[in-house]
């Protein structure tokens, strides 16, 4: 890559730092951008800056939003007594694409992993506790990934919730999601079946 002009090489290097993008893919993307009209490249750059400046976390569910509260939390038609707990914003979006869930969400931003130093303190569990203690919640659907970390998180949350309010029903999404995969890559039908077949923990 030493033969590339310095500005192009810098774009390739920065693109290759993104997850799932190696140097070859980064080079293809950089050359593609180089050959596009100037206004398209400027529009892309501006949209990236706008995303970085305006998109933050919803104050209620901790999903992504460009307002203080996301569109799900703002929707009066959602069933606020049912909370679906997910590991990340991409999982929330996968469930929303299936259009089979009408409750609200809580995004943990991770899963328990003592090996990597991730305990309950690093997740948004305290905020979930506050929502449960409000007395409005009837059911918590634990939709963490079917991985070792996701299962450990599900067991931890079940015990935590039962210790707070034993009358709250705690369910786990069914294994329509293949073990070892991530929720964000599930198709709509698989996600719908997983939500329909959830079970109590």
Protein backbone atom coordinates (compact mmCIF):
# COMPACT_ATOMS: atom_id res chain seq x y z
CA UNK A 1 0.00 0.00 0.00
CA UNK A 2 3.06 2.27 0.08
CA UNK A 3 2.39 3.39 -3.52
CA UNK A 4 -0.92 5.06 -2.58
CA UNK A 5 -1.01 8.84 -2.28
CA UNK A 6 -0.87 9.87 1.39
CA UNK A 7 -4.49 11.19 1.65
CA UNK A 8 -5.86 7.98 0.13
CA UNK A 9 -3.63 5.85 2.37
CA UNK A 10 -4.99 7.68 5.45
CA UNK A 11 -8.59 6.90 4.39
CA UNK A 12 -7.70 3.23 3.88
CA UNK A 13 -6.03 3.08 7.31
CA UNK A 14 -9.02 4.68 9.06
CA UNK A 15 -11.58 2.50 7.29
CA UNK A 16 -9.61 -0.66 8.10
CA UNK A 17 -9.96 0.15 11.82
CA UNK A 18 -13.70 -0.48 11.59
CA UNK A 19 -14.88 -3.95 12.73
CA UNK A 20 -15.18 -6.48 9.93
CA UNK A 21 -13.26 -4.35 7.43
CA UNK A 22 -9.81 -5.53 6.45
CA UNK A 23 -7.27 -3.66 4.37
CA UNK A 24 -8.59 -5.02 1.02
CA UNK A 25 -12.18 -3.99 1.76
CA UNK A 26 -10.97 -0.63 3.07
CA UNK A 27 -9.05 -0.09 -0.18
CA UNK A 28 -12.13 -0.93 -2.29
CA UNK A 29 -14.26 1.47 -0.25
CA UNK A 30 -11.64 4.24 -0.48
CA UNK A 31 -11.31 3.85 -4.27
CA UNK A 32 -15.11 3.84 -4.58
CA UNK A 33 -15.35 7.07 -2.59
CA UNK A 34 -12.54 8.60 -4.64
CA UNK A 35 -14.49 7.95 -7.85
CA UNK A 36 -17.80 9.33 -6.56
CA UNK A 37 -18.93 12.91 -7.19
CA UNK A 38 -17.59 15.42 -4.63
CA UNK A 39 -21.08 16.26 -3.30
CA UNK A 40 -21.74 12.58 -2.43
CA UNK A 41 -18.52 12.35 -0.43
CA UNK A 42 -19.30 15.64 1.35
CA UNK A 43 -22.84 14.38 2.14
CA UNK A 44 -21.38 11.18 3.62
CA UNK A 45 -18.84 13.13 5.70
CA UNK A 46 -21.55 15.51 6.95
CA UNK A 47 -23.90 12.66 7.86
CA UNK A 48 -21.11 10.94 9.83
CA UNK A 49 -20.42 14.15 11.76
CA UNK A 50 -24.14 14.74 12.39
CA UNK A 51 -24.50 11.16 13.67
CA UNK A 52 -21.56 11.61 16.03
CA UNK A 53 -22.81 14.95 17.35
CA UNK A 54 -26.56 14.23 17.63
CA UNK A 55 -27.02 10.53 18.40
CA UNK A 56 -26.84 9.62 22.07
CA UNK A 57 -28.62 7.36 24.53
CA UNK A 58 -32.29 7.49 25.41
CA UNK A 59 -32.67 8.68 29.02
CA UNK A 60 -35.17 5.89 29.74
CA UNK A 61 -34.16 2.69 27.91
CA UNK A 62 -30.56 3.59 26.89
CA UNK A 63 -31.22 2.74 23.26
CA UNK A 64 -29.97 5.11 20.56
CA UNK A 65 -31.81 8.36 20.01
CA UNK A 66 -31.34 11.89 18.65
CA UNK A 67 -33.80 13.19 21.27
CA UNK A 68 -33.83 12.90 25.09
CA UNK A 69 -36.18 9.89 24.77
CA UNK A 70 -36.32 7.47 21.81
CA UNK A 71 -39.37 6.93 19.59
CA UNK A 72 -40.23 3.64 21.38
CA UNK A 73 -40.26 5.23 24.85
CA UNK A 74 -42.23 8.20 23.50
CA UNK A 75 -44.90 5.98 21.91
CA UNK A 76 -48.04 5.98 24.12
CA UNK A 77 -49.29 2.80 22.41
CA UNK A 78 -46.39 0.69 23.76
CA UNK A 79 -47.07 -1.67 26.69
CA UNK A 80 -44.92 -0.09 29.40
CA UNK A 81 -45.51 -2.96 31.84
CA UNK A 82 -43.44 -5.33 29.63
CA UNK A 83 -39.70 -4.61 29.34
CA UNK A 84 -37.44 -6.51 26.95
CA UNK A 85 -33.82 -6.47 28.15
CA UNK A 86 -31.18 -6.64 25.41
CA UNK A 87 -27.38 -6.42 25.33
CA UNK A 88 -27.05 -3.68 22.72
CA UNK A 89 -28.90 -1.22 20.44
CA UNK A 90 -28.45 -3.54 17.42
CA UNK A 91 -30.40 -6.25 19.30
CA UNK A 92 -33.22 -3.81 19.98
CA UNK A 93 -33.39 -2.96 16.27
CA UNK A 94 -33.48 -6.65 15.30
CA UNK A 95 -36.49 -7.23 17.58
CA UNK A 96 -38.21 -4.10 16.26
CA UNK A 97 -37.78 -5.31 12.65
CA UNK A 98 -39.80 -8.44 13.51
CA UNK A 99 -42.76 -6.20 14.54
CA UNK A 100 -43.93 -8.85 17.03
CA UNK A 101 -43.20 -7.02 20.31
CA UNK A 102 -45.19 -4.03 21.58
CA UNK A 103 -43.52 -3.44 24.93
CA UNK A 104 -40.55 -1.24 25.78
CA UNK A 105 -36.83 -1.97 26.09
CA UNK A 106 -33.86 -1.74 28.38
CA UNK A 107 -30.38 -1.80 26.82
CA UNK A 108 -27.59 -3.13 29.06
CA UNK A 109 -24.71 -2.18 26.73
CA UNK A 110 -22.93 -5.46 27.28
CA UNK A 111 -23.13 -8.77 29.11
CA UNK A 112 -21.49 -10.20 32.20
CA UNK A 113 -17.95 -11.34 31.50
CA UNK A 114 -15.67 -11.61 34.56
CA UNK A 115 -12.78 -12.62 32.27
CA UNK A 116 -13.01 -9.22 30.56
CA UNK A 117 -13.75 -7.33 33.77
CA UNK A 118 -17.43 -6.76 33.02
CA UNK A 119 -19.58 -7.10 36.12
CA UNK A 120 -23.08 -5.80 36.97
CA UNK A 121 -21.57 -2.38 37.78
CA UNK A 122 -20.44 -1.95 34.16
CA UNK A 123 -23.92 -2.68 32.80
CA UNK A 124 -27.09 -0.58 33.10
CA UNK A 125 -28.57 -2.88 35.76
CA UNK A 126 -29.05 -0.11 38.35
CA UNK A 127 -31.29 1.76 35.92
CA UNK A 128 -33.28 -1.43 35.29
CA UNK A 129 -33.70 -1.88 39.06
CA UNK A 130 -35.19 1.62 39.30
CA UNK A 131 -37.67 0.86 36.54
CA UNK A 132 -38.73 -2.38 38.25
CA UNK A 133 -39.06 -0.69 41.65
CA UNK A 134 -41.45 1.88 40.13
CA UNK A 135 -44.13 -0.84 40.40
CA UNK A 136 -45.32 -0.50 36.79
CA UNK A 137 -43.55 -3.61 35.44
CA UNK A 138 -45.37 -6.97 35.12
CA UNK A 139 -42.90 -8.88 32.93
CA UNK A 140 -39.22 -8.73 32.06
CA UNK A 141 -38.23 -10.53 28.86
CA UNK A 142 -34.52 -11.37 28.97
CA UNK A 143 -33.31 -11.26 25.36
CA UNK A 144 -29.58 -11.55 25.87
CA UNK A 145 -27.54 -13.44 23.28
CA UNK A 146 -27.45 -17.27 23.53
CA UNK A 147 -23.75 -17.24 24.44
CA UNK A 148 -22.01 -18.15 27.71
CA UNK A 149 -21.95 -14.46 28.69
CA UNK A 150 -25.55 -13.91 27.60
CA UNK A 151 -26.78 -16.92 29.57
CA UNK A 152 -24.85 -15.82 32.67
CA UNK A 153 -26.42 -12.37 32.34
CA UNK A 154 -29.90 -13.91 32.01
CA UNK A 155 -29.46 -15.99 35.18
CA UNK A 156 -28.09 -12.99 37.08
CA UNK A 157 -30.99 -10.77 35.99
CA UNK A 158 -33.57 -13.42 36.89
CA UNK A 159 -32.22 -13.72 40.43
CA UNK A 160 -31.91 -9.95 40.80
CA UNK A 161 -35.47 -9.27 39.63
CA UNK A 162 -36.99 -12.02 41.80
CA UNK A 163 -35.18 -10.55 44.83
CA UNK A 164 -36.67 -7.13 44.10
CA UNK A 165 -40.26 -8.01 43.20
CA UNK A 166 -41.13 -11.69 43.17
CA UNK A 167 -44.45 -11.02 41.44
CA UNK A 168 -42.66 -9.77 38.29
CA UNK A 169 -42.67 -12.50 35.65
CA UNK A 170 -39.20 -13.12 34.19
CA UNK A 171 -39.09 -14.85 30.80
CA UNK A 172 -36.27 -15.79 28.43
CA UNK A 173 -36.61 -15.68 24.66
CA UNK A 174 -36.85 -19.13 23.08
CA UNK A 175 -33.94 -20.75 21.31
CA UNK A 176 -35.10 -19.78 17.86
CA UNK A 177 -31.82 -17.87 17.86
CA UNK A 178 -28.97 -20.30 17.13
CA UNK A 179 -26.67 -20.87 20.11
CA UNK A 180 -23.42 -18.97 19.71
CA UNK A 181 -24.86 -16.32 17.37
CA UNK A 182 -25.87 -12.70 17.98
CA UNK A 183 -29.45 -11.40 18.04
CA UNK A 184 -28.63 -8.53 15.69
CA UNK A 185 -28.09 -11.01 12.81
CA UNK A 186 -31.38 -12.88 13.27
CA UNK A 187 -33.97 -12.70 10.49
CA UNK A 188 -37.51 -11.50 11.17
CA UNK A 189 -39.15 -14.96 11.31
CA UNK A 190 -36.53 -16.38 13.67
CA UNK A 191 -36.87 -13.30 15.90
CA UNK A 192 -40.67 -13.58 15.92
CA UNK A 193 -40.51 -17.28 16.87
CA UNK A 194 -37.99 -16.55 19.60
CA UNK A 195 -40.25 -13.89 21.13
CA UNK A 196 -43.36 -16.11 20.88
CA UNK A 197 -41.59 -19.07 22.49
CA UNK A 198 -40.09 -17.22 25.44
CA UNK A 199 -40.16 -19.10 28.75
CA UNK A 200 -40.10 -18.19 32.42
CA UNK A 201 -36.70 -18.26 34.13
